[in-house]
């Protein structure tokens, strides 16, 4: 299972807002697919799937989330996906 982490854009950004979730929970995604659009105090940018697998968001749209911690995962198999529910 590969985590999806919103990078810290600058030293003052500790949170980001999920503007849009582009993949449904459990949907198959490919490496490089846009899965999230996020907004920090400096920019709006897309976050891509780090590998092929099943997308599992831990948050809803409009959620404020911490940067540099997992906000979603890409599971390599259905068995891995079931670990997060």
C-alpha atoms as a PDB file:
ATOM      1  CA  UNK A   1       0.000   0.000   0.000  1.00  0.00           C
ATOM      2  CA  UNK A   2       1.463   3.321  -1.083  1.00  0.00           C
ATOM      3  CA  UNK A   3       0.548   6.524   0.800  1.00  0.00           C
ATOM      4  CA  UNK A   4      -0.478   9.739  -0.942  1.00  0.00           C
ATOM      5  CA  UNK A   5       1.017  12.696   0.906  1.00  0.00           C
ATOM      6  CA  UNK A   6       0.395  16.389   0.271  1.00  0.00           C
ATOM      7  CA  UNK A   7       3.821  18.013   0.174  1.00  0.00           C
ATOM      8  CA  UNK A   8       4.626  21.079   2.248  1.00  0.00           C
ATOM      9  CA  UNK A   9       4.863  23.949  -0.245  1.00  0.00           C
ATOM     10  CA  UNK A  10       6.630  26.348   2.115  1.00  0.00           C
ATOM     11  CA  UNK A  11       7.767  26.470   5.735  1.00  0.00           C
ATOM     12  CA  UNK A  12       4.600  28.292   6.854  1.00  0.00           C
ATOM     13  CA  UNK A  13       2.114  25.830   5.327  1.00  0.00           C
ATOM     14  CA  UNK A  14       1.066  23.222   7.858  1.00  0.00           C
ATOM     15  CA  UNK A  15      -2.332  22.421   6.335  1.00  0.00           C
ATOM     16  CA  UNK A  16      -3.982  22.165   2.946  1.00  0.00           C
ATOM     17  CA  UNK A  17      -7.591  21.905   1.808  1.00  0.00           C
ATOM     18  CA  UNK A  18      -8.837  19.111  -0.429  1.00  0.00           C
ATOM     19  CA  UNK A  19     -10.636  21.008  -3.193  1.00  0.00           C
ATOM     20  CA  UNK A  20     -11.663  17.988  -5.252  1.00  0.00           C
ATOM     21  CA  UNK A  21     -11.362  14.220  -5.118  1.00  0.00           C
ATOM     22  CA  UNK A  22     -11.088  12.898  -8.688  1.00  0.00           C
ATOM     23  CA  UNK A  23     -11.360   9.169  -7.986  1.00  0.00           C
ATOM     24  CA  UNK A  24     -14.027   7.300  -6.064  1.00  0.00           C
ATOM     25  CA  UNK A  25     -13.041   5.213  -3.048  1.00  0.00           C
ATOM     26  CA  UNK A  26     -12.004   1.778  -4.322  1.00  0.00           C
ATOM     27  CA  UNK A  27     -11.647   2.938  -7.942  1.00  0.00           C
ATOM     28  CA  UNK A  28      -8.768   1.631 -10.022  1.00  0.00           C
ATOM     29  CA  UNK A  29      -6.141   4.298 -10.738  1.00  0.00           C
ATOM     30  CA  UNK A  30      -2.964   4.299 -12.814  1.00  0.00           C
ATOM     31  CA  UNK A  31       0.391   5.859 -11.973  1.00  0.00           C
ATOM     32  CA  UNK A  32       0.181   9.577 -12.727  1.00  0.00           C
ATOM     33  CA  UNK A  33      -3.632   9.831 -12.651  1.00  0.00           C
ATOM     34  CA  UNK A  34      -4.829  12.977 -10.891  1.00  0.00           C
ATOM     35  CA  UNK A  35      -6.566  11.784  -7.721  1.00  0.00           C
ATOM     36  CA  UNK A  36      -6.815  14.990  -5.667  1.00  0.00           C
ATOM     37  CA  UNK A  37      -6.769  18.735  -6.174  1.00  0.00           C
ATOM     38  CA  UNK A  38      -5.540  20.584  -3.104  1.00  0.00           C
ATOM     39  CA  UNK A  39      -5.118  24.195  -2.070  1.00  0.00           C
ATOM     40  CA  UNK A  40      -2.455  25.617   0.216  1.00  0.00           C
ATOM     41  CA  UNK A  41      -1.917  29.221   1.245  1.00  0.00           C
ATOM     42  CA  UNK A  42       0.315  29.625  -1.834  1.00  0.00           C
ATOM     43  CA  UNK A  43      -1.181  27.510  -4.636  1.00  0.00           C
ATOM     44  CA  UNK A  44      -3.765  25.094  -5.984  1.00  0.00           C
ATOM     45  CA  UNK A  45      -2.284  21.914  -7.436  1.00  0.00           C
ATOM     46  CA  UNK A  46      -3.073  18.349  -8.432  1.00  0.00           C
ATOM     47  CA  UNK A  47      -1.815  15.275  -6.599  1.00  0.00           C
ATOM     48  CA  UNK A  48      -1.164  12.154  -8.676  1.00  0.00           C
ATOM     49  CA  UNK A  49      -1.421   8.451  -7.909  1.00  0.00           C
ATOM     50  CA  UNK A  50       2.079   7.168  -7.074  1.00  0.00           C
ATOM     51  CA  UNK A  51       1.379   3.704  -8.538  1.00  0.00           C
ATOM     52  CA  UNK A  52      -1.320   1.548 -10.131  1.00  0.00           C
ATOM     53  CA  UNK A  53      -3.929   0.221  -7.717  1.00  0.00           C
ATOM     54  CA  UNK A  54      -7.142   0.981  -5.849  1.00  0.00           C
ATOM     55  CA  UNK A  55      -7.665   4.523  -4.527  1.00  0.00           C
ATOM     56  CA  UNK A  56      -8.589   5.015  -0.856  1.00  0.00           C
ATOM     57  CA  UNK A  57      -9.153   8.568   0.359  1.00  0.00           C
ATOM     58  CA  UNK A  58      -9.115   9.131   4.120  1.00  0.00           C
ATOM     59  CA  UNK A  59     -10.957  12.476   3.839  1.00  0.00           C
ATOM     60  CA  UNK A  60     -13.864  14.205   2.103  1.00  0.00           C
ATOM     61  CA  UNK A  61     -13.815  17.187  -0.245  1.00  0.00           C
ATOM     62  CA  UNK A  62     -13.350  20.517   1.581  1.00  0.00           C
ATOM     63  CA  UNK A  63     -11.458  18.832   4.428  1.00  0.00           C
ATOM     64  CA  UNK A  64      -8.518  20.681   5.915  1.00  0.00           C
ATOM     65  CA  UNK A  65      -5.657  18.220   6.266  1.00  0.00           C
ATOM     66  CA  UNK A  66      -2.109  18.257   7.577  1.00  0.00           C
ATOM     67  CA  UNK A  67       0.716  18.298   5.045  1.00  0.00           C
ATOM     68  CA  UNK A  68       3.436  15.641   4.997  1.00  0.00           C
ATOM     69  CA  UNK A  69       1.128  12.920   6.370  1.00  0.00           C
ATOM     70  CA  UNK A  70      -0.934  10.364   4.403  1.00  0.00           C
ATOM     71  CA  UNK A  71      -4.317  11.687   3.214  1.00  0.00           C
ATOM     72  CA  UNK A  72      -5.042   8.704   0.952  1.00  0.00           C
ATOM     73  CA  UNK A  73      -3.547   5.403  -0.160  1.00  0.00           C
ATOM     74  CA  UNK A  74      -3.247   3.345  -3.315  1.00  0.00           C
ATOM     75  CA  UNK A  75      -3.697  -0.334  -2.503  1.00  0.00           C
ATOM     76  CA  UNK A  76      -2.042  -2.876  -4.805  1.00  0.00           C
ATOM     77  CA  UNK A  77      -4.820  -5.437  -4.312  1.00  0.00           C
ATOM     78  CA  UNK A  78      -8.316  -5.934  -2.981  1.00  0.00           C
ATOM     79  CA  UNK A  79      -6.834  -7.614   0.112  1.00  0.00           C
ATOM     80  CA  UNK A  80      -4.781  -4.498   0.877  1.00  0.00           C
ATOM     81  CA  UNK A  81      -7.828  -2.285   0.285  1.00  0.00           C
ATOM     82  CA  UNK A  82      -9.820  -4.251   2.853  1.00  0.00           C
ATOM     83  CA  UNK A  83      -7.267  -3.330   5.542  1.00  0.00           C
ATOM     84  CA  UNK A  84      -8.563   0.276   5.426  1.00  0.00           C
ATOM     85  CA  UNK A  85     -12.159  -0.700   4.796  1.00  0.00           C
END
